[in-house]
Protein backbone atom coordinates (compact mmCIF):
# COMPACT_ATOMS: atom_id res chain seq x y z
CA MET A 1 7.29 7.11 23.93
CA PRO A 2 5.36 3.81 23.82
CA GLU A 3 7.39 0.66 24.39
CA ALA A 4 7.13 -2.60 22.45
CA VAL A 5 6.54 -6.01 23.98
CA GLY A 6 8.26 -9.10 22.70
CA VAL A 7 7.36 -12.67 23.78
CA ILE A 8 8.98 -16.08 23.07
CA GLU A 9 7.54 -19.45 24.11
CA THR A 10 9.76 -22.53 24.08
CA VAL A 11 9.66 -26.19 24.80
CA GLY A 12 11.83 -26.79 27.86
CA PHE A 13 13.80 -24.58 30.15
CA PRO A 14 17.21 -24.54 28.46
CA ALA A 15 15.84 -22.97 25.31
CA VAL A 16 13.95 -20.21 27.15
CA LEU A 17 17.04 -19.48 29.28
CA ALA A 18 19.19 -19.17 26.16
CA ALA A 19 16.55 -16.94 24.64
CA ALA A 20 16.26 -14.65 27.64
CA ASP A 21 20.08 -14.27 27.89
CA ALA A 22 20.42 -13.53 24.15
CA MET A 23 17.59 -10.95 24.30
CA VAL A 24 19.09 -8.87 27.06
CA LYS A 25 22.40 -9.05 25.33
CA GLY A 26 20.95 -8.29 21.95
CA GLY A 27 19.19 -5.13 22.79
CA SER A 28 18.54 -2.60 25.59
CA VAL A 29 15.46 -4.42 26.82
CA THR A 30 14.07 -5.53 30.22
CA ILE A 31 12.56 -8.89 30.98
CA VAL A 32 9.18 -8.17 32.51
CA TYR A 33 7.71 -11.66 32.62
CA PHE A 34 8.87 -15.22 32.91
CA ASP A 35 6.74 -18.27 33.78
CA LEU A 36 5.59 -21.71 32.82
CA ALA A 37 3.10 -21.91 29.98
CA GLU A 38 1.01 -24.93 29.15
CA ARG A 39 2.38 -28.49 28.81
CA GLY A 40 5.78 -27.69 30.30
CA ASN A 41 6.52 -24.82 27.84
CA PHE A 42 8.17 -21.66 29.11
CA LEU A 43 7.42 -18.08 28.39
CA VAL A 44 9.59 -14.95 28.47
CA ALA A 45 8.41 -11.44 27.75
CA ILE A 46 10.56 -8.28 27.25
CA ARG A 47 9.83 -4.53 26.98
CA GLY A 48 11.79 -1.69 25.32
CA THR A 49 11.66 0.58 22.40
CA THR A 50 10.74 -1.11 19.10
CA SER A 51 14.19 -0.52 17.70
CA GLU A 52 15.68 -2.42 20.66
CA VAL A 53 13.01 -5.21 20.94
CA ARG A 54 13.28 -6.27 17.28
CA PRO A 55 17.03 -7.18 17.34
CA ALA A 56 16.62 -8.63 20.86
CA MET A 57 13.86 -10.90 19.64
CA GLU A 58 15.97 -12.06 16.69
CA ALA A 59 18.79 -12.89 18.93
CA GLY A 60 16.49 -14.72 21.34
CA LEU A 61 14.87 -16.80 18.64
CA LYS A 62 18.26 -17.75 17.16
CA ALA A 63 19.61 -18.76 20.61
CA ALA A 64 16.46 -20.83 21.46
CA ALA A 65 16.53 -22.67 18.07
CA GLU A 66 20.27 -23.41 18.46
CA THR A 67 19.84 -24.92 21.95
CA VAL A 68 20.12 -28.66 22.02
CA GLY A 69 16.54 -29.94 22.03
CA GLY A 70 15.20 -26.39 21.85
CA GLU A 71 12.16 -25.60 20.05
CA VAL A 72 10.34 -22.21 19.64
CA VAL A 73 6.60 -22.79 19.96
CA SER A 74 5.51 -19.29 19.36
CA HIS A 75 6.75 -15.71 19.33
CA TYR A 76 5.39 -12.26 18.65
CA THR A 77 6.23 -8.62 18.87
CA VAL A 78 3.67 -5.92 19.57
CA PRO A 79 5.31 -2.57 18.69
CA ASN A 80 2.76 -0.34 20.45
CA PRO A 81 0.35 -2.21 22.75
CA PRO A 82 -2.82 -0.39 23.62
CA GLU A 83 -3.60 0.29 27.24
CA ASN A 84 -6.24 -2.37 27.45
CA VAL A 85 -3.69 -5.06 26.47
CA LEU A 86 -1.32 -3.72 29.10
CA ALA A 87 -4.06 -3.68 31.72
CA VAL A 88 -4.82 -7.43 31.40
CA LEU A 89 -1.46 -8.97 30.45
CA PRO A 90 1.44 -9.21 32.95
CA VAL A 91 3.89 -7.16 30.90
CA GLU A 92 4.01 -3.92 32.89
CA TYR A 93 7.16 -2.85 34.73
CA THR A 94 6.70 -4.11 38.24
CA GLU A 95 8.54 -3.15 41.45
CA LYS A 96 10.37 -6.45 41.10
CA VAL A 97 11.80 -5.72 37.62
CA GLU A 98 11.94 -1.86 37.86
CA LYS A 99 15.55 -1.92 39.20
CA PHE A 100 16.60 -3.75 36.12
CA ARG A 101 14.86 -1.39 33.72
CA THR A 102 17.22 -0.18 30.98
CA GLN A 103 15.22 2.85 29.89
CA ARG A 104 13.32 5.36 31.95
């Protein structure tokens, strides 16, 4: 079964931390990527089934927006990413995150 990808970009670290925390609590998802984006923004990406990624993204967006000084720059969900997207973007399950994977 293909797995969805959800990504949230925020201004500042507290908002992305709140988003990541809320996402893993809001659905059976795995954080597959976290890093600095441009201009001090932060980015977090999750993977899981579409039915789990959607509520997790909603929880993450709400948490980021409610964080003092938090601002969501952008967000998106890709329900069924094609192989060429997975090949070039860092959203695959790596050895580093595999032990935290919620679905196998």
